[in-house]
Amino acid sequence: MNVIFAVVFLAAAVIFLLRDPEGFLPAMLAGGQKAAAVSLALLASYCVWLGFFKVMEESGLSARLANRLYPAARKLFRSENKEALALACQNLAANMLGLPGAPTPLGIAATKKFLQTGDTYAADMLFVLGATGLQLLPATVIALRAAAGSAAPADILLPTLLSAAAATLFGALLVVLTRRRR
């Protein structure tokens, strides 16, 4: 993927340089400046939300939320592996809260635990639920919109929630249906 990105970037840069040599350097500098500003805004957002998740973790709130999700998760993942289910619940809770980066290590650990016990259905379901990205608060997108100067960055809340809920339900249904056929 990095090679493809590098080839596309170099091809675009060469074409731009050939078509408008005077505009090339100002455009590159302006693009770099915008990229730095967006990166800084995202970094600030990540720091806030990861700090929030760490506070939740230290206070035991994330564990309590995972315990509340446990009965439904047992049915959803069709697994009795308590350790893997606890990690999966924490992954889902972090995803639902829209905490960037926080769910990934939890999801990887849960998937490893599921696969160690041969629970491929649970691993598949966790992957699909993580990929569909059901979030109650899409913090990253809101932060990007705010950094871009949006007048109302949170206006995407309801459409994002509805589309992610539909994708999550459809994805989970596909996992259930494909597993029944096997």
Protein backbone atom coordinates (compact mmCIF):
# COMPACT_ATOMS: atom_id res chain seq x y z
CA MET A 1 0.00 0.00 0.00
CA ASN A 2 2.86 2.37 0.81
CA VAL A 3 4.41 1.68 -2.59
CA ILE A 4 1.13 2.45 -4.36
CA PHE A 5 0.73 5.68 -2.36
CA ALA A 6 4.32 6.73 -3.14
CA VAL A 7 3.90 6.02 -6.89
CA VAL A 8 0.62 7.98 -7.07
CA PHE A 9 2.13 10.89 -5.12
CA LEU A 10 5.27 11.02 -7.28
CA ALA A 11 3.27 10.79 -10.50
CA ALA A 12 0.97 13.63 -9.38
CA ALA A 13 3.95 15.74 -8.28
CA VAL A 14 5.75 15.25 -11.62
CA ILE A 15 2.61 16.12 -13.61
CA PHE A 16 1.97 19.19 -11.47
CA LEU A 17 5.62 20.26 -11.74
CA LEU A 18 5.52 19.96 -15.54
CA ARG A 19 2.19 21.78 -15.93
CA ASP A 20 2.73 24.61 -13.41
CA PRO A 21 6.35 24.93 -12.23
CA GLU A 22 5.72 28.26 -10.46
CA GLY A 23 2.78 26.93 -8.48
CA PHE A 24 4.43 23.67 -7.42
CA LEU A 25 6.38 24.87 -4.37
CA PRO A 26 3.62 27.13 -2.95
CA ALA A 27 1.10 24.29 -3.34
CA MET A 28 3.43 21.81 -1.61
CA LEU A 29 4.06 24.24 1.26
CA ALA A 30 0.33 25.01 1.66
CA GLY A 31 -0.48 21.30 1.64
CA GLY A 32 2.20 20.59 4.23
CA GLN A 33 0.90 23.41 6.40
CA LYS A 34 -2.67 22.04 6.25
CA ALA A 35 -1.44 18.51 6.97
CA ALA A 36 0.47 19.73 10.02
CA ALA A 37 -2.57 21.65 11.32
CA VAL A 38 -4.90 18.67 10.91
CA SER A 39 -2.33 16.33 12.49
CA LEU A 40 -2.01 18.63 15.48
CA ALA A 41 -5.79 18.84 15.89
CA LEU A 42 -6.08 15.05 15.69
CA LEU A 43 -3.23 14.62 18.15
CA ALA A 44 -5.02 16.86 20.64
CA SER A 45 -8.26 14.94 20.14
CA TYR A 46 -6.49 11.59 20.58
CA CYS A 47 -4.79 12.80 23.76
CA VAL A 48 -8.11 13.90 25.24
CA TRP A 49 -9.99 10.71 24.38
CA LEU A 50 -7.18 8.31 25.27
CA GLY A 51 -6.80 10.16 28.56
CA PHE A 52 -10.55 9.84 29.08
CA PHE A 53 -10.35 6.09 28.40
CA LYS A 54 -7.41 5.73 30.79
CA VAL A 55 -9.43 7.48 33.52
CA MET A 56 -12.35 5.16 32.75
CA GLU A 57 -10.02 2.18 32.94
CA GLU A 58 -8.41 3.28 36.22
CA SER A 59 -11.78 4.05 37.83
CA GLY A 60 -13.16 0.67 36.82
CA LEU A 61 -15.89 2.22 34.68
CA SER A 62 -14.76 0.43 31.52
CA ALA A 63 -14.77 -2.91 33.39
CA ARG A 64 -18.30 -2.21 34.66
CA LEU A 65 -19.44 -1.31 31.17
CA ALA A 66 -17.83 -4.51 29.86
CA ASN A 67 -19.64 -6.50 32.59
CA ARG A 68 -22.96 -4.98 31.49
CA LEU A 69 -22.23 -6.02 27.92
CA TYR A 70 -21.09 -9.53 28.96
CA PRO A 71 -24.49 -11.37 28.86
CA ALA A 72 -25.29 -10.01 25.41
CA ALA A 73 -21.73 -10.66 24.24
CA ARG A 74 -21.91 -14.30 25.32
CA LYS A 75 -24.92 -14.78 23.05
CA LEU A 76 -23.55 -12.62 20.24
CA PHE A 77 -20.13 -14.29 20.11
CA ARG A 78 -21.41 -17.76 21.05
CA SER A 79 -18.45 -18.28 23.34
CA GLU A 80 -17.84 -19.24 26.94
CA ASN A 81 -14.25 -17.94 27.04
CA LYS A 82 -14.60 -15.37 29.85
CA GLU A 83 -11.22 -13.73 29.31
CA ALA A 84 -11.72 -13.29 25.56
CA LEU A 85 -15.28 -12.07 26.07
CA ALA A 86 -14.13 -9.48 28.63
CA LEU A 87 -11.56 -8.17 26.16
CA ALA A 88 -14.15 -8.19 23.36
CA CYS A 89 -16.61 -6.26 25.54
CA GLN A 90 -13.99 -3.66 26.37
CA ASN A 91 -13.17 -3.42 22.65
CA LEU A 92 -16.83 -2.87 21.80
CA ALA A 93 -17.24 -0.33 24.61
CA ALA A 94 -14.20 1.64 23.43
CA ASN A 95 -15.48 1.50 19.84
CA MET A 96 -18.92 2.73 20.88
CA LEU A 97 -17.36 5.64 22.75
CA GLY A 98 -15.39 6.55 19.63
CA LEU A 99 -12.03 6.37 21.36
CA PRO A 100 -9.39 6.35 18.61
CA GLY A 101 -6.69 3.71 18.90
CA ALA A 102 -7.93 2.34 22.21
CA PRO A 103 -10.00 -0.58 20.86
CA THR A 104 -7.26 -1.98 18.60
CA PRO A 105 -5.03 -3.67 21.21
CA LEU A 106 -8.12 -4.99 23.02
CA GLY A 107 -9.51 -6.40 19.77
CA ILE A 108 -6.22 -8.04 18.85
CA ALA A 109 -5.91 -9.63 22.29
CA ALA A 110 -9.53 -10.86 22.20
CA THR A 111 -9.10 -12.29 18.71
CA LYS A 112 -5.94 -14.14 19.78
CA LYS A 113 -7.79 -15.61 22.77
CA PHE A 114 -10.75 -16.64 20.61
CA LEU A 115 -8.49 -18.27 18.03
CA GLN A 116 -6.43 -20.09 20.68
CA THR A 117 -9.58 -21.92 21.75
CA GLY A 118 -10.75 -22.49 18.15
CA ASP A 119 -13.57 -19.95 18.45
CA THR A 120 -13.41 -18.76 14.83
CA TYR A 121 -17.05 -17.63 14.83
CA ALA A 122 -16.37 -15.26 17.75
CA ALA A 123 -13.20 -13.96 16.09
CA ASP A 124 -15.08 -13.35 12.83
CA MET A 125 -17.92 -11.58 14.63
CA LEU A 126 -15.51 -9.36 16.56
CA PHE A 127 -13.70 -8.45 13.34
CA VAL A 128 -16.95 -7.51 11.60
CA LEU A 129 -18.22 -5.49 14.58
CA GLY A 130 -14.91 -3.66 14.77
CA ALA A 131 -14.82 -3.01 11.03
CA THR A 132 -18.35 -1.62 10.88
CA GLY A 133 -17.43 0.87 13.60
CA LEU A 134 -20.61 1.49 15.55
CA GLN A 135 -19.89 4.64 17.54
CA LEU A 136 -22.09 6.68 19.80
CA LEU A 137 -19.67 9.60 19.43
CA PRO A 138 -17.49 9.79 16.26
CA ALA A 139 -14.83 11.90 17.96
CA THR A 140 -12.22 11.67 15.19
CA VAL A 141 -14.56 12.84 12.44
CA ILE A 142 -15.89 15.64 14.62
CA ALA A 143 -12.30 16.71 15.39
CA LEU A 144 -11.42 16.66 11.67
CA ARG A 145 -14.48 18.76 10.84
CA ALA A 146 -13.63 21.22 13.60
CA ALA A 147 -10.02 21.46 12.37
CA ALA A 148 -11.29 22.12 8.84
CA GLY A 149 -13.34 25.06 10.15
CA SER A 150 -16.81 23.54 10.05
CA ALA A 151 -19.50 25.78 11.52
CA ALA A 152 -21.24 22.77 13.08
CA PRO A 153 -18.80 19.84 13.29
CA ALA A 154 -21.21 17.64 15.29
CA ASP A 155 -23.99 17.80 12.65
CA ILE A 156 -22.85 14.42 11.37
CA LEU A 157 -23.75 12.71 14.65
CA LEU A 158 -27.18 11.32 13.72
CA PRO A 159 -26.40 10.29 10.11
CA THR A 160 -23.17 8.64 11.26
CA LEU A 161 -24.94 6.77 14.05
CA LEU A 162 -27.71 5.55 11.75
CA SER A 163 -25.40 4.43 8.95
CA ALA A 164 -22.98 2.72 11.35
CA ALA A 165 -25.87 0.94 13.11
CA ALA A 166 -27.19 -0.30 9.76
CA ALA A 167 -23.72 -1.48 8.71
CA THR A 168 -23.19 -3.22 12.05
CA LEU A 169 -26.53 -5.04 11.91
CA PHE A 170 -25.98 -6.05 8.28
CA GLY A 171 -22.43 -7.25 9.00
CA ALA A 172 -23.47 -9.27 12.05
CA LEU A 173 -26.33 -10.79 10.08
CA LEU A 174 -23.94 -11.81 7.31
CA VAL A 175 -21.62 -13.51 9.81
CA VAL A 176 -24.57 -15.42 11.29
CA LEU A 177 -25.89 -16.43 7.86
CA THR A 178 -22.52 -17.52 6.47
CA ARG A 179 -21.80 -19.57 9.58
CA ARG A 180 -25.11 -21.41 9.31
CA ARG A 181 -24.26 -22.55 5.78
CA ARG A 182 -20.96 -24.14 6.80
